[in-house]
Amino acid sequence: MGKHSRPGPLNQPSRAFPSPPADDRLAAYDKRRRPPLDVWRRHRPLHGGGGHLRPDEPRALEEWNGFSYEPAGTAANLAEARRWVTSGCT
């Protein structure tokens, strides 16, 4: 690896964003409205624990609304939850 190589998997895009224009007064606001790690949809186990454990248990589905994650429904198992998360990607 070179001195200035980006850490992480090679198949992931860079998270670096270009500098906003100087005349954009809402740049800081727009930056705060992005979800953490650019994850717009996520799933969580209903009964706690790691997301990869007990794949047959139901999952809570959450979607980013611009300020926080809000409940969007439930999935019967991990496979359904993963399908829902990836179906929202564009």
C-alpha atoms as a PDB file:
ATOM      1  CA  MET A   1       0.000   0.000   0.000  1.00  0.00           C
ATOM      2  CA  GLY A   2       1.168   3.486  -0.790  1.00  0.00           C
ATOM      3  CA  LYS A   3       1.607   6.290   1.646  1.00  0.00           C
ATOM      4  CA  HIS A   4      -1.693   7.938   0.740  1.00  0.00           C
ATOM      5  CA  SER A   5      -3.885   4.919   0.027  1.00  0.00           C
ATOM      6  CA  ARG A   6      -7.395   4.867   1.439  1.00  0.00           C
ATOM      7  CA  PRO A   7      -8.003   2.162   4.056  1.00  0.00           C
ATOM      8  CA  GLY A   8     -10.857  -0.262   3.654  1.00  0.00           C
ATOM      9  CA  PRO A   9     -12.163  -2.598   0.965  1.00  0.00           C
ATOM     10  CA  LEU A  10     -11.327  -1.684  -2.610  1.00  0.00           C
ATOM     11  CA  ASN A  11     -14.912  -2.200  -3.784  1.00  0.00           C
ATOM     12  CA  GLN A  12     -16.323   0.606  -1.594  1.00  0.00           C
ATOM     13  CA  PRO A  13     -16.622   4.125  -2.972  1.00  0.00           C
ATOM     14  CA  SER A  14     -14.795   6.916  -1.239  1.00  0.00           C
ATOM     15  CA  ARG A  15     -16.823   8.817   1.371  1.00  0.00           C
ATOM     16  CA  ALA A  16     -14.997  12.037   0.567  1.00  0.00           C
ATOM     17  CA  PHE A  17     -17.302  14.811  -0.596  1.00  0.00           C
ATOM     18  CA  PRO A  18     -16.229  17.802  -2.629  1.00  0.00           C
ATOM     19  CA  SER A  19     -16.177  21.155  -0.865  1.00  0.00           C
ATOM     20  CA  PRO A  20     -19.500  23.003  -1.091  1.00  0.00           C
ATOM     21  CA  PRO A  21     -19.668  26.240  -3.076  1.00  0.00           C
ATOM     22  CA  ALA A  22     -18.807  29.336  -1.036  1.00  0.00           C
ATOM     23  CA  ASP A  23     -22.219  30.878  -1.745  1.00  0.00           C
ATOM     24  CA  ASP A  24     -24.172  27.818  -0.517  1.00  0.00           C
ATOM     25  CA  ARG A  25     -25.587  28.980   2.823  1.00  0.00           C
ATOM     26  CA  LEU A  26     -27.348  25.646   3.480  1.00  0.00           C
ATOM     27  CA  ALA A  27     -24.303  23.384   3.008  1.00  0.00           C
ATOM     28  CA  ALA A  28     -23.911  22.653   6.734  1.00  0.00           C
ATOM     29  CA  TYR A  29     -27.634  21.906   7.038  1.00  0.00           C
ATOM     30  CA  ASP A  30     -27.562  19.531   4.065  1.00  0.00           C
ATOM     31  CA  LYS A  31     -24.569  17.720   5.544  1.00  0.00           C
ATOM     32  CA  ARG A  32     -26.430  17.130   8.835  1.00  0.00           C
ATOM     33  CA  ARG A  33     -29.417  15.692   6.961  1.00  0.00           C
ATOM     34  CA  ARG A  34     -27.392  12.807   5.530  1.00  0.00           C
ATOM     35  CA  PRO A  35     -27.904   9.578   7.470  1.00  0.00           C
ATOM     36  CA  PRO A  36     -25.031   8.074   9.448  1.00  0.00           C
ATOM     37  CA  LEU A  37     -22.696   6.235   7.055  1.00  0.00           C
ATOM     38  CA  ASP A  38     -25.192   6.981   4.243  1.00  0.00           C
ATOM     39  CA  VAL A  39     -27.462   4.104   5.349  1.00  0.00           C
ATOM     40  CA  TRP A  40     -30.986   5.097   4.331  1.00  0.00           C
ATOM     41  CA  ARG A  41     -32.682   1.840   5.383  1.00  0.00           C
ATOM     42  CA  ARG A  42     -31.683  -0.552   8.155  1.00  0.00           C
ATOM     43  CA  HIS A  43     -33.051  -3.475  10.177  1.00  0.00           C
ATOM     44  CA  ARG A  44     -32.705  -4.369  13.843  1.00  0.00           C
ATOM     45  CA  PRO A  45     -33.644  -7.559  15.735  1.00  0.00           C
ATOM     46  CA  LEU A  46     -36.869  -7.062  17.709  1.00  0.00           C
ATOM     47  CA  HIS A  47     -35.507  -8.865  20.756  1.00  0.00           C
ATOM     48  CA  GLY A  48     -32.050  -7.263  20.820  1.00  0.00           C
ATOM     49  CA  GLY A  49     -28.703  -8.854  20.170  1.00  0.00           C
ATOM     50  CA  GLY A  50     -26.536  -8.855  17.081  1.00  0.00           C
ATOM     51  CA  GLY A  51     -28.162  -8.489  13.691  1.00  0.00           C
ATOM     52  CA  HIS A  52     -26.534 -11.671  12.385  1.00  0.00           C
ATOM     53  CA  LEU A  53     -27.677 -13.868  15.301  1.00  0.00           C
ATOM     54  CA  ARG A  54     -30.871 -15.941  15.218  1.00  0.00           C
ATOM     55  CA  PRO A  55     -31.749 -15.336  11.539  1.00  0.00           C
ATOM     56  CA  ASP A  56     -35.252 -16.831  11.916  1.00  0.00           C
ATOM     57  CA  GLU A  57     -36.485 -14.185  14.380  1.00  0.00           C
ATOM     58  CA  PRO A  58     -38.443 -11.058  13.304  1.00  0.00           C
ATOM     59  CA  ARG A  59     -36.736  -7.748  12.529  1.00  0.00           C
ATOM     60  CA  ALA A  60     -37.813  -4.117  12.909  1.00  0.00           C
ATOM     61  CA  LEU A  61     -37.352  -2.097   9.706  1.00  0.00           C
ATOM     62  CA  GLU A  62     -36.257   1.548   9.963  1.00  0.00           C
ATOM     63  CA  GLU A  63     -35.959   4.268   7.341  1.00  0.00           C
ATOM     64  CA  TRP A  64     -34.112   7.617   7.467  1.00  0.00           C
ATOM     65  CA  ASN A  65     -36.522  10.582   7.224  1.00  0.00           C
ATOM     66  CA  GLY A  66     -33.931  13.358   7.038  1.00  0.00           C
ATOM     67  CA  PHE A  67     -33.509  13.792  10.785  1.00  0.00           C
ATOM     68  CA  SER A  68     -33.662  10.356  12.413  1.00  0.00           C
ATOM     69  CA  TYR A  69     -34.621   6.754  11.758  1.00  0.00           C
ATOM     70  CA  GLU A  70     -38.341   6.025  11.977  1.00  0.00           C
ATOM     71  CA  PRO A  71     -40.137   2.650  12.072  1.00  0.00           C
ATOM     72  CA  ALA A  72     -41.182   1.433   8.637  1.00  0.00           C
ATOM     73  CA  GLY A  73     -42.520  -2.041   9.442  1.00  0.00           C
ATOM     74  CA  THR A  74     -41.380  -5.511  10.366  1.00  0.00           C
ATOM     75  CA  ALA A  75     -39.873  -8.481   8.558  1.00  0.00           C
ATOM     76  CA  ALA A  76     -40.412 -12.114   9.477  1.00  0.00           C
ATOM     77  CA  ASN A  77     -36.720 -13.035   9.293  1.00  0.00           C
ATOM     78  CA  LEU A  78     -33.242 -11.825   8.384  1.00  0.00           C
ATOM     79  CA  ALA A  79     -33.540 -12.737   4.696  1.00  0.00           C
ATOM     80  CA  GLU A  80     -36.703 -10.650   4.246  1.00  0.00           C
ATOM     81  CA  ALA A  81     -35.135  -7.741   6.127  1.00  0.00           C
ATOM     82  CA  ARG A  82     -32.045  -7.787   3.897  1.00  0.00           C
ATOM     83  CA  ARG A  83     -34.242  -7.880   0.768  1.00  0.00           C
ATOM     84  CA  TRP A  84     -36.163  -4.829   2.031  1.00  0.00           C
ATOM     85  CA  VAL A  85     -32.962  -2.907   2.775  1.00  0.00           C
ATOM     86  CA  THR A  86     -31.478  -3.561  -0.682  1.00  0.00           C
ATOM     87  CA  SER A  87     -34.747  -2.892  -2.540  1.00  0.00           C
ATOM     88  CA  GLY A  88     -34.596   0.753  -1.422  1.00  0.00           C
ATOM     89  CA  CYS A  89     -31.136   1.319  -2.914  1.00  0.00           C
ATOM     90  CA  THR A  90     -31.025   3.253  -6.153  1.00  0.00           C
END
